[in-house]
């Protein structure tokens, strides 16, 4: 399966996006947490663009989630996984008890690498979706 540059390059912010964000951030420094950023058009646009699921995955997906994650709550990840399943995308969802956002990449690395190696080797794609 060929890697799709468009998939991973979207995750990297450009310099222009970072500069725009820093300009937008200045007025929020004095009002942050006093105003819901989803009500501010520029911030809402940034959040919407950075929300997973904006475009079809186009490939099987491996997701690792720690149950101790307070940055990306497990319920949000489960909802995203269900959306992928409903769209017919095969996923593997690895949940690790008590693991935080900071440690999930390290704790799930072995499983993720094996999953990727299996894809490159052409092995059948597993799915936790039931299809």
N, C-alpha and C. Protein backbone atom coordinates (compact mmCIF):
# COMPACT_ATOMS: atom_id res chain seq x y z
N UNK A 1 0.85 -1.16 0.00
CA UNK A 1 0.00 0.00 0.00
C UNK A 1 0.90 1.23 0.00
N UNK A 2 0.76 2.14 -0.99
CA UNK A 2 1.61 3.32 -1.02
C UNK A 2 1.21 4.32 0.06
N UNK A 3 2.21 5.00 0.62
CA UNK A 3 1.94 6.05 1.59
C UNK A 3 1.36 7.25 0.85
N UNK A 4 0.40 7.89 1.43
CA UNK A 4 -0.21 9.06 0.82
C UNK A 4 0.32 10.30 1.48
N UNK A 5 1.14 11.04 0.75
CA UNK A 5 1.76 12.25 1.29
C UNK A 5 0.71 13.21 1.81
N UNK A 6 -0.42 13.32 1.12
CA UNK A 6 -1.43 14.29 1.54
C UNK A 6 -1.97 13.96 2.92
N UNK A 7 -1.99 12.71 3.30
CA UNK A 7 -2.52 12.33 4.61
C UNK A 7 -1.63 12.81 5.74
N UNK A 8 -0.32 12.57 5.61
CA UNK A 8 0.52 12.96 6.74
C UNK A 8 0.95 14.40 6.67
N UNK A 9 0.99 15.01 5.49
CA UNK A 9 1.42 16.40 5.43
C UNK A 9 0.37 17.35 5.98
N UNK A 10 -0.91 16.95 5.98
CA UNK A 10 -1.95 17.80 6.55
C UNK A 10 -1.77 17.99 8.04
N UNK A 11 -1.09 17.06 8.69
CA UNK A 11 -0.91 17.14 10.14
C UNK A 11 0.16 18.15 10.52
N UNK A 12 0.96 18.58 9.58
CA UNK A 12 2.04 19.51 9.86
C UNK A 12 1.59 20.92 9.51
N UNK A 13 1.66 21.82 10.49
CA UNK A 13 1.26 23.20 10.25
C UNK A 13 2.34 23.92 9.47
N UNK A 14 1.93 24.78 8.56
CA UNK A 14 2.89 25.58 7.81
C UNK A 14 3.30 26.79 8.64
N UNK A 15 4.37 27.43 8.21
CA UNK A 15 4.82 28.65 8.88
C UNK A 15 3.72 29.71 8.83
N UNK A 16 3.03 29.82 7.69
CA UNK A 16 1.96 30.81 7.56
C UNK A 16 0.85 30.55 8.58
N UNK A 17 0.50 29.28 8.79
CA UNK A 17 -0.53 28.96 9.79
C UNK A 17 -0.06 29.33 11.19
N UNK A 18 1.20 29.06 11.49
CA UNK A 18 1.73 29.40 12.81
C UNK A 18 1.74 30.91 13.03
N UNK A 19 2.12 31.67 12.00
CA UNK A 19 2.12 33.13 12.12
C UNK A 19 0.70 33.65 12.31
N UNK A 20 -0.24 33.11 11.55
CA UNK A 20 -1.64 33.52 11.67
C UNK A 20 -2.14 33.22 13.09
N UNK A 21 -1.80 32.05 13.59
CA UNK A 21 -2.22 31.67 14.93
C UNK A 21 -1.64 32.61 15.98
N UNK A 22 -0.36 32.99 15.83
CA UNK A 22 0.24 33.88 16.83
C UNK A 22 -0.40 35.26 16.78
N UNK A 23 -0.81 35.73 15.59
CA UNK A 23 -1.49 37.02 15.48
C UNK A 23 -2.87 36.96 16.12
N UNK A 24 -3.58 35.86 15.88
CA UNK A 24 -4.92 35.69 16.42
C UNK A 24 -4.86 35.55 17.95
N UNK A 25 -3.79 34.96 18.43
CA UNK A 25 -3.66 34.66 19.85
C UNK A 25 -3.49 35.92 20.71
N UNK A 26 -2.87 36.96 20.18
CA UNK A 26 -2.58 38.15 20.99
C UNK A 26 -3.80 38.73 21.70
N UNK A 27 -4.92 38.98 21.00
CA UNK A 27 -6.08 39.52 21.74
C UNK A 27 -6.65 38.53 22.75
N UNK A 28 -6.44 37.25 22.50
CA UNK A 28 -6.99 36.26 23.42
C UNK A 28 -6.20 36.16 24.71
N UNK A 29 -4.97 36.66 24.72
CA UNK A 29 -4.17 36.57 25.92
C UNK A 29 -4.85 37.26 27.10
N UNK A 30 -5.61 38.32 26.85
CA UNK A 30 -6.26 38.99 27.96
C UNK A 30 -7.68 38.48 28.22
N UNK A 31 -8.25 37.74 27.25
CA UNK A 31 -9.63 37.28 27.44
C UNK A 31 -9.77 35.76 27.42
N UNK A 32 -8.66 35.06 27.24
CA UNK A 32 -8.74 33.60 27.14
C UNK A 32 -9.45 33.01 28.36
N UNK A 33 -10.29 32.10 28.10
CA UNK A 33 -11.14 31.44 29.09
C UNK A 33 -12.30 32.32 29.54
N UNK A 34 -12.34 33.57 29.11
CA UNK A 34 -13.50 34.41 29.38
C UNK A 34 -14.48 34.32 28.22
N UNK A 35 -13.96 33.89 27.04
CA UNK A 35 -14.76 33.77 25.83
C UNK A 35 -14.55 32.38 25.26
N UNK A 36 -15.62 31.77 24.84
CA UNK A 36 -15.53 30.46 24.20
C UNK A 36 -14.88 30.64 22.83
N UNK A 37 -13.69 30.05 22.58
CA UNK A 37 -13.02 30.25 21.29
C UNK A 37 -13.82 29.74 20.10
N UNK A 38 -14.77 28.85 20.32
CA UNK A 38 -15.58 28.37 19.20
C UNK A 38 -16.53 29.45 18.69
N UNK A 39 -16.69 30.53 19.46
CA UNK A 39 -17.55 31.64 19.00
C UNK A 39 -16.76 32.69 18.23
N UNK A 40 -15.45 32.56 18.19
CA UNK A 40 -14.59 33.49 17.46
C UNK A 40 -14.25 32.86 16.11
N UNK A 41 -14.71 33.48 15.01
CA UNK A 41 -14.58 32.86 13.69
C UNK A 41 -13.19 32.34 13.34
N UNK A 42 -12.13 33.09 13.59
CA UNK A 42 -10.79 32.64 13.23
C UNK A 42 -10.40 31.39 14.00
N UNK A 43 -10.66 31.37 15.30
CA UNK A 43 -10.34 30.19 16.11
C UNK A 43 -11.21 29.01 15.73
N UNK A 44 -12.47 29.26 15.48
CA UNK A 44 -13.37 28.17 15.08
C UNK A 44 -12.88 27.53 13.78
N UNK A 45 -12.46 28.37 12.83
CA UNK A 45 -11.96 27.86 11.54
C UNK A 45 -10.72 26.98 11.76
N UNK A 46 -9.81 27.42 12.61
CA UNK A 46 -8.60 26.63 12.89
C UNK A 46 -8.98 25.30 13.52
N UNK A 47 -9.89 25.32 14.49
CA UNK A 47 -10.31 24.08 15.15
C UNK A 47 -11.01 23.14 14.18
N UNK A 48 -11.85 23.69 13.32
CA UNK A 48 -12.55 22.84 12.35
C UNK A 48 -11.58 22.21 11.36
N UNK A 49 -10.59 22.98 10.89
CA UNK A 49 -9.60 22.42 9.96
C UNK A 49 -8.76 21.34 10.61
N UNK A 50 -8.54 21.44 11.91
CA UNK A 50 -7.70 20.47 12.61
C UNK A 50 -8.48 19.32 13.23
N UNK A 51 -9.76 19.23 12.94
CA UNK A 51 -10.58 18.14 13.46
C UNK A 51 -10.45 16.92 12.56
N UNK A 52 -10.07 15.77 13.10
CA UNK A 52 -9.96 14.57 12.28
C UNK A 52 -11.30 14.23 11.62
N UNK A 53 -11.22 13.60 10.47
CA UNK A 53 -12.41 13.13 9.78
C UNK A 53 -12.95 14.12 8.77
N UNK A 54 -12.19 15.16 8.44
CA UNK A 54 -12.64 16.15 7.47
C UNK A 54 -12.63 15.60 6.05
N UNK A 55 -11.84 14.57 5.82
CA UNK A 55 -11.75 13.94 4.50
C UNK A 55 -11.67 12.43 4.71
N UNK A 56 -12.07 11.65 3.73
CA UNK A 56 -11.98 10.19 3.88
C UNK A 56 -10.55 9.76 4.17
N UNK A 57 -10.40 8.76 5.01
CA UNK A 57 -9.07 8.29 5.38
C UNK A 57 -8.35 7.69 4.17
N UNK A 58 -9.06 6.96 3.34
CA UNK A 58 -8.44 6.39 2.15
C UNK A 58 -7.53 5.21 2.43
N UNK A 59 -7.42 4.81 3.66
CA UNK A 59 -6.56 3.69 4.04
C UNK A 59 -7.01 3.19 5.41
N UNK A 60 -6.62 1.96 5.75
CA UNK A 60 -6.94 1.47 7.10
C UNK A 60 -6.30 2.38 8.15
N UNK A 61 -6.87 2.39 9.35
CA UNK A 61 -6.41 3.31 10.39
C UNK A 61 -6.10 2.54 11.67
N UNK A 62 -4.96 2.84 12.27
CA UNK A 62 -4.58 2.33 13.58
C UNK A 62 -4.74 3.48 14.57
N UNK A 63 -5.50 3.24 15.64
CA UNK A 63 -5.71 4.27 16.66
C UNK A 63 -5.29 3.70 18.01
N UNK A 64 -4.49 4.46 18.73
CA UNK A 64 -4.12 4.09 20.09
C UNK A 64 -4.65 5.16 21.03
N UNK A 65 -5.31 4.74 22.08
CA UNK A 65 -5.92 5.67 23.04
C UNK A 65 -5.65 5.18 24.45
N UNK A 66 -5.18 6.08 25.28
CA UNK A 66 -5.02 5.76 26.69
C UNK A 66 -6.27 6.14 27.46
N UNK A 67 -6.68 5.28 28.36
CA UNK A 67 -7.88 5.60 29.14
C UNK A 67 -7.62 6.71 30.16
N UNK A 68 -6.34 7.00 30.41
CA UNK A 68 -5.98 8.08 31.33
C UNK A 68 -5.72 9.40 30.62
N UNK A 69 -6.08 9.49 29.35
CA UNK A 69 -5.84 10.69 28.56
C UNK A 69 -6.87 11.76 28.91
N UNK A 70 -6.40 12.90 29.38
CA UNK A 70 -7.31 14.01 29.67
C UNK A 70 -7.18 15.12 28.63
N UNK A 71 -6.26 14.95 27.67
CA UNK A 71 -6.10 15.91 26.58
C UNK A 71 -7.08 15.60 25.46
N UNK A 72 -7.07 14.35 25.02
CA UNK A 72 -8.05 13.86 24.04
C UNK A 72 -8.83 12.76 24.76
N UNK A 73 -9.99 13.13 25.22
CA UNK A 73 -10.78 12.20 26.03
C UNK A 73 -11.14 10.94 25.25
N UNK A 74 -11.08 9.78 25.90
CA UNK A 74 -11.38 8.52 25.23
C UNK A 74 -12.73 8.52 24.51
N UNK A 75 -13.74 9.18 25.06
CA UNK A 75 -15.06 9.22 24.41
C UNK A 75 -14.99 9.87 23.03
N UNK A 76 -14.13 10.88 22.88
CA UNK A 76 -13.98 11.55 21.59
C UNK A 76 -13.34 10.61 20.58
N UNK A 77 -12.32 9.88 21.03
CA UNK A 77 -11.65 8.93 20.14
C UNK A 77 -12.60 7.82 19.74
N UNK A 78 -13.40 7.33 20.68
CA UNK A 78 -14.37 6.27 20.36
C UNK A 78 -15.40 6.76 19.34
N UNK A 79 -15.85 8.00 19.50
CA UNK A 79 -16.80 8.57 18.53
C UNK A 79 -16.16 8.66 17.15
N UNK A 80 -14.91 9.09 17.08
CA UNK A 80 -14.19 9.17 15.81
C UNK A 80 -14.04 7.78 15.20
N UNK A 81 -13.69 6.79 16.01
CA UNK A 81 -13.54 5.42 15.51
C UNK A 81 -14.86 4.90 14.93
N UNK A 82 -15.96 5.20 15.60
CA UNK A 82 -17.28 4.78 15.10
C UNK A 82 -17.60 5.46 13.77
N UNK A 83 -17.21 6.72 13.63
CA UNK A 83 -17.44 7.43 12.37
C UNK A 83 -16.65 6.78 11.23
N UNK A 84 -15.41 6.41 11.51
CA UNK A 84 -14.60 5.72 10.50
C UNK A 84 -15.23 4.39 10.12
N UNK A 85 -15.67 3.64 11.12
CA UNK A 85 -16.33 2.36 10.86
C UNK A 85 -17.58 2.55 10.00
N UNK A 86 -18.38 3.55 10.34
CA UNK A 86 -19.61 3.81 9.58
C UNK A 86 -19.30 4.18 8.13
N UNK A 87 -18.12 4.76 7.90
CA UNK A 87 -17.71 5.13 6.55
C UNK A 87 -17.06 3.96 5.81
N UNK A 88 -16.99 2.80 6.49
CA UNK A 88 -16.41 1.61 5.85
C UNK A 88 -14.91 1.51 5.92
N UNK A 89 -14.28 2.34 6.75
CA UNK A 89 -12.83 2.32 6.91
C UNK A 89 -12.46 1.29 7.97
N UNK A 90 -11.63 0.31 7.63
CA UNK A 90 -11.21 -0.65 8.65
C UNK A 90 -10.27 0.02 9.66
N UNK A 91 -10.54 -0.18 10.93
CA UNK A 91 -9.70 0.39 11.98
C UNK A 91 -9.30 -0.68 12.99
N UNK A 92 -8.19 -0.42 13.63
CA UNK A 92 -7.79 -1.16 14.82
C UNK A 92 -7.70 -0.12 15.92
N UNK A 93 -8.45 -0.33 16.97
CA UNK A 93 -8.46 0.60 18.10
C UNK A 93 -7.82 -0.10 19.30
N UNK A 94 -6.67 0.42 19.70
CA UNK A 94 -5.95 -0.11 20.85
C UNK A 94 -6.17 0.83 22.02
N UNK A 95 -6.80 0.32 23.07
CA UNK A 95 -7.02 1.13 24.27
C UNK A 95 -6.12 0.60 25.38
N UNK A 96 -5.41 1.50 26.02
CA UNK A 96 -4.47 1.10 27.07
C UNK A 96 -4.88 1.74 28.39
N UNK A 97 -5.17 0.87 29.33
CA UNK A 97 -5.68 1.30 30.63
C UNK A 97 -4.69 2.19 31.37
N UNK A 98 -5.20 3.37 31.75
CA UNK A 98 -4.44 4.30 32.58
C UNK A 98 -3.37 5.10 31.86
N UNK A 99 -3.14 4.84 30.58
CA UNK A 99 -2.07 5.53 29.87
C UNK A 99 -2.53 6.95 29.50
N UNK A 100 -1.63 7.92 29.70
CA UNK A 100 -1.95 9.32 29.43
C UNK A 100 -1.64 9.69 27.98
N UNK A 101 -2.04 10.89 27.61
CA UNK A 101 -1.79 11.43 26.27
C UNK A 101 -0.29 11.47 25.99
N UNK A 102 0.49 11.84 27.00
CA UNK A 102 1.93 11.97 26.83
C UNK A 102 2.64 10.65 26.57
N UNK A 103 2.06 9.55 27.02
CA UNK A 103 2.75 8.26 26.94
C UNK A 103 2.16 7.28 25.93
N UNK A 104 1.00 7.58 25.34
CA UNK A 104 0.35 6.59 24.48
C UNK A 104 1.20 6.22 23.28
N UNK A 105 1.90 7.18 22.67
CA UNK A 105 2.72 6.86 21.50
C UNK A 105 3.81 5.85 21.87
N UNK A 106 4.49 6.09 22.98
CA UNK A 106 5.55 5.17 23.39
C UNK A 106 4.98 3.79 23.76
N UNK A 107 3.90 3.79 24.51
CA UNK A 107 3.34 2.52 24.99
C UNK A 107 2.73 1.68 23.86
N UNK A 108 2.26 2.34 22.80
CA UNK A 108 1.63 1.61 21.70
C UNK A 108 2.54 1.44 20.49
N UNK A 109 3.77 1.93 20.57
CA UNK A 109 4.68 1.91 19.42
C UNK A 109 4.89 0.51 18.85
N UNK A 110 5.11 -0.47 19.70
CA UNK A 110 5.35 -1.83 19.21
C UNK A 110 4.15 -2.33 18.39
N UNK A 111 2.95 -2.15 18.92
CA UNK A 111 1.75 -2.58 18.20
C UNK A 111 1.58 -1.81 16.90
N UNK A 112 1.82 -0.51 16.92
CA UNK A 112 1.67 0.31 15.73
C UNK A 112 2.65 -0.11 14.64
N UNK A 113 3.89 -0.35 15.02
CA UNK A 113 4.91 -0.76 14.04
C UNK A 113 4.56 -2.11 13.45
N UNK A 114 4.11 -3.04 14.27
CA UNK A 114 3.71 -4.35 13.75
C UNK A 114 2.54 -4.21 12.79
N UNK A 115 1.55 -3.37 13.16
CA UNK A 115 0.38 -3.15 12.31
C UNK A 115 0.82 -2.58 10.96
N UNK A 116 1.72 -1.58 10.98
CA UNK A 116 2.20 -0.98 9.73
C UNK A 116 3.00 -1.97 8.90
N UNK A 117 3.86 -2.75 9.55
CA UNK A 117 4.66 -3.75 8.84
C UNK A 117 3.74 -4.76 8.15
N UNK A 118 2.66 -5.15 8.82
CA UNK A 118 1.69 -6.07 8.22
C UNK A 118 1.04 -5.46 6.98
N UNK A 119 0.76 -4.15 7.01
CA UNK A 119 0.16 -3.49 5.84
C UNK A 119 1.13 -3.51 4.68
N UNK A 120 2.40 -3.16 4.94
CA UNK A 120 3.40 -3.15 3.87
C UNK A 120 3.68 -4.55 3.34
N UNK A 121 3.51 -5.55 4.19
CA UNK A 121 3.72 -6.94 3.77
C UNK A 121 2.51 -7.49 3.03
N UNK A 122 1.43 -6.72 2.95
CA UNK A 122 0.24 -7.16 2.22
C UNK A 122 -0.63 -8.14 2.98
N UNK A 123 -0.43 -8.25 4.28
CA UNK A 123 -1.26 -9.13 5.09
C UNK A 123 -2.68 -8.58 5.17
N UNK A 124 -3.66 -9.44 5.41
CA UNK A 124 -5.06 -8.97 5.49
C UNK A 124 -5.22 -7.88 6.54
N UNK A 125 -6.09 -6.94 6.21
CA UNK A 125 -6.33 -5.80 7.09
C UNK A 125 -7.33 -6.19 8.18
N UNK A 126 -6.91 -6.17 9.44
CA UNK A 126 -7.86 -6.47 10.51
C UNK A 126 -8.77 -5.25 10.74
N UNK A 127 -9.90 -5.48 11.36
CA UNK A 127 -10.79 -4.37 11.67
C UNK A 127 -11.57 -4.66 12.93
N UNK A 128 -11.64 -3.67 13.79
CA UNK A 128 -12.46 -3.76 14.99
C UNK A 128 -13.89 -3.32 14.71
N UNK A 129 -14.18 -3.03 13.45
CA UNK A 129 -15.52 -2.53 13.07
C UNK A 129 -16.53 -3.66 12.90
N UNK A 130 -16.06 -4.85 12.70
CA UNK A 130 -17.00 -5.96 12.48
C UNK A 130 -17.36 -6.11 11.01
N UNK A 131 -16.64 -5.45 10.11
CA UNK A 131 -16.90 -5.67 8.67
C UNK A 131 -15.64 -6.03 7.97
